[in-house]
Amino acid sequence: QVQLVESGGGLVQAGGSLRLSCAASGRAFSSYDIGWFRQAPGKEREFVAAISRSGTRTYYADSVEGRFTISRDDAVKTVYLQMNSLKPEDTAVYYCAADGSGIIYTTGYEYWGQGTQVTVSS
């Protein structure tokens, strides 16, 4: 099993930056693809970014491509989401998730964190 804890959320002005962290505990962290998802009030949870278990492939939603960067450090079992040029529409609860089956873009990940709030003011 994998336990995930997100941190780094907060309030930022439009155009600003935040770095989210997803810290994992448990075994075989390097065996999992890690995804970031977000959910705004009244909306469905949506894919933001993902990184393969090897760390060699990254995936991004069109809405964040070029502004967000996902990375992982398996030595400390942490995945990061660097968010630059933030917009008010990026406001949401951000969740990280882990899965070993290669699903990448969908919400069917096996393990989820509790989420961290990101609020971008205009």
N, C-alpha and C. Protein backbone atom coordinates (compact mmCIF):
# COMPACT_ATOMS: atom_id res chain seq x y z
N GLN A 1 0.83 -1.20 0.00
CA GLN A 1 0.00 0.00 0.00
C GLN A 1 0.86 1.25 0.00
N VAL A 2 0.26 2.34 -0.45
CA VAL A 2 0.93 3.64 -0.48
C VAL A 2 0.02 4.66 0.19
N GLN A 3 0.58 5.44 1.08
CA GLN A 3 -0.13 6.56 1.69
C GLN A 3 0.44 7.85 1.12
N LEU A 4 -0.43 8.77 0.76
CA LEU A 4 -0.03 10.01 0.10
C LEU A 4 -0.50 11.22 0.90
N VAL A 5 0.38 12.20 1.05
CA VAL A 5 0.04 13.42 1.76
C VAL A 5 0.48 14.62 0.93
N GLU A 6 -0.47 15.46 0.55
CA GLU A 6 -0.17 16.66 -0.22
C GLU A 6 0.12 17.84 0.71
N SER A 7 0.93 18.75 0.23
CA SER A 7 1.19 19.99 0.95
C SER A 7 1.60 21.06 -0.06
N GLY A 8 1.65 22.30 0.42
CA GLY A 8 2.11 23.39 -0.43
C GLY A 8 1.03 24.28 -1.00
N GLY A 9 -0.21 23.93 -0.75
CA GLY A 9 -1.29 24.78 -1.24
C GLY A 9 -1.35 26.09 -0.48
N GLY A 10 -2.18 27.00 -0.97
CA GLY A 10 -2.33 28.29 -0.31
C GLY A 10 -3.01 29.30 -1.19
N LEU A 11 -2.93 30.56 -0.78
CA LEU A 11 -3.53 31.66 -1.51
C LEU A 11 -2.43 32.43 -2.24
N VAL A 12 -2.64 32.66 -3.52
CA VAL A 12 -1.64 33.37 -4.32
C VAL A 12 -2.35 34.27 -5.31
N GLN A 13 -1.73 35.36 -5.68
CA GLN A 13 -2.30 36.24 -6.68
C GLN A 13 -2.10 35.68 -8.09
N ALA A 14 -2.97 36.07 -8.97
CA ALA A 14 -2.83 35.66 -10.37
C ALA A 14 -1.44 36.05 -10.88
N GLY A 15 -0.84 35.13 -11.62
CA GLY A 15 0.51 35.33 -12.12
C GLY A 15 1.59 34.78 -11.20
N GLY A 16 1.20 34.41 -10.00
CA GLY A 16 2.15 33.89 -9.04
C GLY A 16 2.42 32.41 -9.22
N SER A 17 3.21 31.87 -8.28
CA SER A 17 3.63 30.47 -8.35
C SER A 17 3.43 29.77 -7.02
N LEU A 18 3.23 28.48 -7.11
CA LEU A 18 3.20 27.59 -5.94
C LEU A 18 3.86 26.28 -6.34
N ARG A 19 4.42 25.60 -5.35
CA ARG A 19 4.92 24.25 -5.58
C ARG A 19 4.22 23.31 -4.61
N LEU A 20 3.50 22.37 -5.18
CA LEU A 20 2.84 21.35 -4.38
C LEU A 20 3.76 20.14 -4.23
N SER A 21 3.67 19.50 -3.08
CA SER A 21 4.42 18.28 -2.82
C SER A 21 3.46 17.16 -2.49
N CYS A 22 3.82 15.97 -2.90
CA CYS A 22 3.06 14.76 -2.60
C CYS A 22 4.05 13.77 -1.99
N ALA A 23 3.98 13.63 -0.68
CA ALA A 23 4.89 12.74 0.03
C ALA A 23 4.25 11.38 0.22
N ALA A 24 5.00 10.34 -0.11
CA ALA A 24 4.47 8.99 -0.03
C ALA A 24 5.16 8.19 1.06
N SER A 25 4.41 7.29 1.63
CA SER A 25 4.98 6.31 2.55
C SER A 25 4.47 4.95 2.14
N GLY A 26 5.18 3.95 2.54
CA GLY A 26 4.84 2.61 2.11
C GLY A 26 5.87 2.09 1.14
N ARG A 27 5.68 0.87 0.74
CA ARG A 27 6.67 0.24 -0.10
C ARG A 27 6.44 0.47 -1.59
N ALA A 28 7.48 0.28 -2.36
CA ALA A 28 7.40 0.22 -3.82
C ALA A 28 6.90 1.51 -4.46
N PHE A 29 7.27 2.65 -3.89
CA PHE A 29 6.85 3.92 -4.48
C PHE A 29 7.27 4.02 -5.94
N SER A 30 8.45 3.53 -6.26
CA SER A 30 8.96 3.63 -7.62
C SER A 30 8.20 2.75 -8.60
N SER A 31 7.29 1.94 -8.11
CA SER A 31 6.48 1.09 -8.98
C SER A 31 5.20 1.76 -9.46
N TYR A 32 4.97 2.99 -9.01
CA TYR A 32 3.71 3.65 -9.29
C TYR A 32 3.88 4.87 -10.19
N ASP A 33 2.97 4.99 -11.14
CA ASP A 33 2.77 6.28 -11.80
C ASP A 33 2.07 7.19 -10.81
N ILE A 34 2.40 8.48 -10.84
CA ILE A 34 1.79 9.44 -9.93
C ILE A 34 1.09 10.52 -10.75
N GLY A 35 -0.14 10.79 -10.36
CA GLY A 35 -0.91 11.82 -11.04
C GLY A 35 -1.34 12.91 -10.08
N TRP A 36 -1.55 14.10 -10.64
CA TRP A 36 -2.17 15.20 -9.93
C TRP A 36 -3.53 15.47 -10.59
N PHE A 37 -4.52 15.63 -9.75
CA PHE A 37 -5.86 15.97 -10.21
C PHE A 37 -6.34 17.17 -9.41
N ARG A 38 -7.38 17.82 -9.88
CA ARG A 38 -7.95 18.93 -9.12
C ARG A 38 -9.47 18.91 -9.25
N GLN A 39 -10.10 19.50 -8.24
CA GLN A 39 -11.55 19.57 -8.24
C GLN A 39 -11.98 20.92 -7.70
N ALA A 40 -12.65 21.67 -8.54
CA ALA A 40 -13.20 22.96 -8.15
C ALA A 40 -14.63 22.77 -7.66
N PRO A 41 -15.14 23.69 -6.86
CA PRO A 41 -16.52 23.55 -6.34
C PRO A 41 -17.53 23.38 -7.47
N GLY A 42 -18.37 22.37 -7.34
CA GLY A 42 -19.41 22.14 -8.32
C GLY A 42 -18.95 21.50 -9.61
N LYS A 43 -17.68 21.14 -9.68
CA LYS A 43 -17.15 20.53 -10.90
C LYS A 43 -16.60 19.14 -10.61
N GLU A 44 -16.45 18.37 -11.67
CA GLU A 44 -15.88 17.05 -11.52
C GLU A 44 -14.36 17.13 -11.33
N ARG A 45 -13.82 16.11 -10.73
CA ARG A 45 -12.37 16.03 -10.59
C ARG A 45 -11.75 15.85 -11.96
N GLU A 46 -10.68 16.60 -12.23
CA GLU A 46 -10.07 16.55 -13.55
C GLU A 46 -8.57 16.32 -13.47
N PHE A 47 -8.06 15.71 -14.51
CA PHE A 47 -6.64 15.43 -14.63
C PHE A 47 -5.85 16.72 -14.81
N VAL A 48 -4.71 16.80 -14.14
CA VAL A 48 -3.82 17.94 -14.28
C VAL A 48 -2.48 17.53 -14.90
N ALA A 49 -1.82 16.56 -14.28
CA ALA A 49 -0.50 16.14 -14.75
C ALA A 49 -0.21 14.76 -14.18
N ALA A 50 0.74 14.07 -14.82
CA ALA A 50 1.16 12.76 -14.32
C ALA A 50 2.60 12.53 -14.72
N ILE A 51 3.24 11.64 -13.98
CA ILE A 51 4.61 11.25 -14.28
C ILE A 51 4.71 9.74 -14.16
N SER A 52 5.43 9.16 -15.10
CA SER A 52 5.56 7.71 -15.11
C SER A 52 6.41 7.22 -13.95
N ARG A 53 6.29 5.93 -13.68
CA ARG A 53 7.06 5.35 -12.57
C ARG A 53 8.56 5.49 -12.79
N SER A 54 8.98 5.50 -14.03
CA SER A 54 10.41 5.66 -14.33
C SER A 54 10.85 7.12 -14.25
N GLY A 55 9.88 8.03 -14.28
CA GLY A 55 10.19 9.45 -14.27
C GLY A 55 10.57 10.00 -15.62
N THR A 56 10.55 9.17 -16.64
CA THR A 56 11.00 9.60 -17.96
C THR A 56 9.89 10.19 -18.82
N ARG A 57 8.63 9.94 -18.45
CA ARG A 57 7.51 10.46 -19.23
C ARG A 57 6.60 11.31 -18.35
N THR A 58 6.22 12.44 -18.88
CA THR A 58 5.28 13.33 -18.19
C THR A 58 4.10 13.64 -19.09
N TYR A 59 3.00 13.94 -18.46
CA TYR A 59 1.74 14.15 -19.17
C TYR A 59 1.05 15.36 -18.54
N TYR A 60 0.44 16.19 -19.38
CA TYR A 60 -0.20 17.40 -18.87
C TYR A 60 -1.55 17.63 -19.55
N ALA A 61 -2.47 18.19 -18.78
CA ALA A 61 -3.70 18.68 -19.39
C ALA A 61 -3.38 19.90 -20.24
N ASP A 62 -4.16 20.10 -21.29
CA ASP A 62 -3.93 21.25 -22.17
C ASP A 62 -3.98 22.56 -21.40
N SER A 63 -4.83 22.62 -20.39
CA SER A 63 -5.03 23.86 -19.65
C SER A 63 -3.82 24.27 -18.82
N VAL A 64 -2.91 23.35 -18.55
CA VAL A 64 -1.76 23.67 -17.71
C VAL A 64 -0.43 23.50 -18.45
N GLU A 65 -0.48 22.95 -19.65
CA GLU A 65 0.74 22.72 -20.43
C GLU A 65 1.52 24.02 -20.56
N GLY A 66 2.81 23.96 -20.27
CA GLY A 66 3.67 25.14 -20.37
C GLY A 66 3.71 25.98 -19.11
N ARG A 67 2.80 25.75 -18.18
CA ARG A 67 2.77 26.52 -16.92
C ARG A 67 3.12 25.64 -15.72
N PHE A 68 2.73 24.38 -15.76
CA PHE A 68 2.97 23.46 -14.66
C PHE A 68 4.04 22.46 -15.05
N THR A 69 4.81 22.02 -14.06
CA THR A 69 5.83 21.00 -14.27
C THR A 69 5.76 19.97 -13.16
N ILE A 70 5.67 18.72 -13.55
CA ILE A 70 5.66 17.63 -12.58
C ILE A 70 7.01 16.96 -12.55
N SER A 71 7.45 16.57 -11.36
CA SER A 71 8.73 15.87 -11.22
C SER A 71 8.63 14.94 -10.02
N ARG A 72 9.57 14.02 -9.95
CA ARG A 72 9.58 13.10 -8.82
C ARG A 72 10.99 12.86 -8.33
N ASP A 73 11.11 12.61 -7.03
CA ASP A 73 12.37 12.27 -6.39
C ASP A 73 12.12 11.00 -5.60
N ASP A 74 12.45 9.89 -6.18
CA ASP A 74 12.16 8.61 -5.53
C ASP A 74 13.00 8.42 -4.26
N ALA A 75 14.12 9.09 -4.15
CA ALA A 75 14.96 8.95 -2.95
C ALA A 75 14.22 9.44 -1.71
N VAL A 76 13.36 10.43 -1.89
CA VAL A 76 12.58 10.94 -0.76
C VAL A 76 11.10 10.67 -0.94
N LYS A 77 10.77 9.83 -1.93
CA LYS A 77 9.39 9.40 -2.15
C LYS A 77 8.44 10.59 -2.26
N THR A 78 8.82 11.54 -3.08
CA THR A 78 8.01 12.75 -3.21
C THR A 78 7.86 13.13 -4.68
N VAL A 79 6.66 13.55 -5.02
CA VAL A 79 6.38 14.09 -6.34
C VAL A 79 6.00 15.56 -6.16
N TYR A 80 6.48 16.38 -7.08
CA TYR A 80 6.25 17.81 -7.00
C TYR A 80 5.43 18.29 -8.19
N LEU A 81 4.67 19.32 -7.96
CA LEU A 81 3.96 20.00 -9.04
C LEU A 81 4.28 21.49 -8.92
N GLN A 82 5.17 21.96 -9.78
CA GLN A 82 5.51 23.37 -9.84
C GLN A 82 4.49 24.08 -10.70
N MET A 83 3.81 25.06 -10.13
CA MET A 83 2.74 25.75 -10.83
C MET A 83 3.12 27.22 -10.98
N ASN A 84 3.31 27.65 -12.20
CA ASN A 84 3.67 29.03 -12.51
C ASN A 84 2.55 29.72 -13.29
N SER A 85 2.61 31.02 -13.33
CA SER A 85 1.62 31.82 -14.08
C SER A 85 0.20 31.40 -13.71
N LEU A 86 -0.05 31.31 -12.44
CA LEU A 86 -1.35 30.82 -11.98
C LEU A 86 -2.47 31.77 -12.37
N LYS A 87 -3.62 31.17 -12.64
CA LYS A 87 -4.82 31.90 -13.04
C LYS A 87 -5.94 31.62 -12.04
N PRO A 88 -6.91 32.51 -11.94
CA PRO A 88 -8.04 32.25 -11.03
C PRO A 88 -8.73 30.92 -11.32
N GLU A 89 -8.76 30.51 -12.58
CA GLU A 89 -9.41 29.24 -12.92
C GLU A 89 -8.62 28.02 -12.47
N ASP A 90 -7.42 28.22 -11.95
CA ASP A 90 -6.65 27.11 -11.36
C ASP A 90 -7.09 26.84 -9.92
N THR A 91 -7.96 27.67 -9.38
CA THR A 91 -8.44 27.49 -8.02
C THR A 91 -9.18 26.17 -7.88
N ALA A 92 -8.75 25.35 -6.93
CA ALA A 92 -9.33 24.01 -6.74
C ALA A 92 -8.63 23.34 -5.57
N VAL A 93 -9.18 22.21 -5.17
CA VAL A 93 -8.45 21.30 -4.29
C VAL A 93 -7.63 20.37 -5.19
N TYR A 94 -6.36 20.28 -4.90
CA TYR A 94 -5.45 19.47 -5.71
C TYR A 94 -5.14 18.17 -4.96
N TYR A 95 -5.26 17.07 -5.68
CA TYR A 95 -5.03 15.74 -5.13
C TYR A 95 -3.91 15.05 -5.90
N CYS A 96 -3.07 14.31 -5.18
CA CYS A 96 -2.16 13.42 -5.88
C CYS A 96 -2.68 11.99 -5.71
N ALA A 97 -2.29 11.15 -6.65
CA ALA A 97 -2.77 9.78 -6.68
C ALA A 97 -1.69 8.88 -7.25
N ALA A 98 -1.75 7.62 -6.85
CA ALA A 98 -0.76 6.64 -7.29
C ALA A 98 -1.45 5.41 -7.86
N ASP A 99 -0.87 4.89 -8.91
CA ASP A 99 -1.44 3.68 -9.51
C ASP A 99 -0.37 2.93 -10.28
N GLY A 100 -0.49 1.64 -10.32
CA GLY A 100 0.50 0.83 -11.01
C GLY A 100 0.03 0.26 -12.33
N SER A 101 -1.19 0.62 -12.77
CA SER A 101 -1.74 -0.03 -13.96
C SER A 101 -1.62 0.78 -15.23
N GLY A 102 -1.04 1.98 -15.15
CA GLY A 102 -0.81 2.76 -16.37
C GLY A 102 -1.98 3.55 -16.87
N ILE A 103 -2.95 3.88 -16.02
CA ILE A 103 -4.16 4.55 -16.50
C ILE A 103 -3.94 6.03 -16.78
N ILE A 104 -3.01 6.66 -16.15
CA ILE A 104 -2.54 8.03 -16.38
C ILE A 104 -3.62 9.11 -16.28
N TYR A 105 -4.56 9.18 -17.26
CA TYR A 105 -5.43 10.34 -17.39
C TYR A 105 -6.75 10.25 -16.63
N THR A 106 -7.17 9.07 -16.24
CA THR A 106 -8.49 8.93 -15.63
C THR A 106 -8.39 8.97 -14.13
N THR A 107 -9.53 9.04 -13.46
CA THR A 107 -9.56 9.15 -12.01
C THR A 107 -9.56 7.79 -11.33
N GLY A 108 -9.28 6.72 -12.03
CA GLY A 108 -9.33 5.39 -11.45
C GLY A 108 -8.09 4.97 -10.69
N TYR A 109 -7.29 5.94 -10.27
CA TYR A 109 -6.09 5.60 -9.51
C TYR A 109 -6.43 4.87 -8.22
N GLU A 110 -5.54 4.02 -7.80
CA GLU A 110 -5.82 3.17 -6.64
C GLU A 110 -5.69 3.92 -5.32
N TYR A 111 -4.70 4.78 -5.20
CA TYR A 111 -4.44 5.45 -3.94
C TYR A 111 -4.53 6.96 -4.12
N TRP A 112 -5.11 7.62 -3.13
CA TRP A 112 -5.33 9.07 -3.19
C TRP A 112 -4.91 9.74 -1.89
N GLY A 113 -4.43 10.97 -2.02
CA GLY A 113 -4.20 11.80 -0.85
C GLY A 113 -5.46 12.54 -0.46
N GLN A 114 -5.34 13.36 0.58
CA GLN A 114 -6.51 14.05 1.12
C GLN A 114 -6.77 15.39 0.45
N GLY A 115 -5.81 15.87 -0.32
CA GLY A 115 -5.98 17.11 -1.06
C GLY A 115 -5.40 18.32 -0.35
N THR A 116 -5.06 19.33 -1.15
CA THR A 116 -4.58 20.61 -0.62
C THR A 116 -5.24 21.72 -1.44
N GLN A 117 -5.69 22.75 -0.76
CA GLN A 117 -6.43 23.82 -1.41
C GLN A 117 -5.48 24.83 -2.06
N VAL A 118 -5.77 25.15 -3.30
CA VAL A 118 -5.06 26.22 -4.02
C VAL A 118 -6.09 27.27 -4.40
N THR A 119 -5.84 28.51 -4.00
CA THR A 119 -6.74 29.61 -4.33
C THR A 119 -5.95 30.70 -5.02
N VAL A 120 -6.38 31.07 -6.21
CA VAL A 120 -5.70 32.10 -6.98
C VAL A 120 -6.64 33.31 -7.09
N SER A 121 -6.21 34.42 -6.54
CA SER A 121 -7.04 35.62 -6.56
C SER A 121 -6.71 36.47 -7.79
N SER A 122 -7.72 37.17 -8.26
CA SER A 122 -7.54 38.00 -9.47
C SER A 122 -7.13 39.42 -9.13
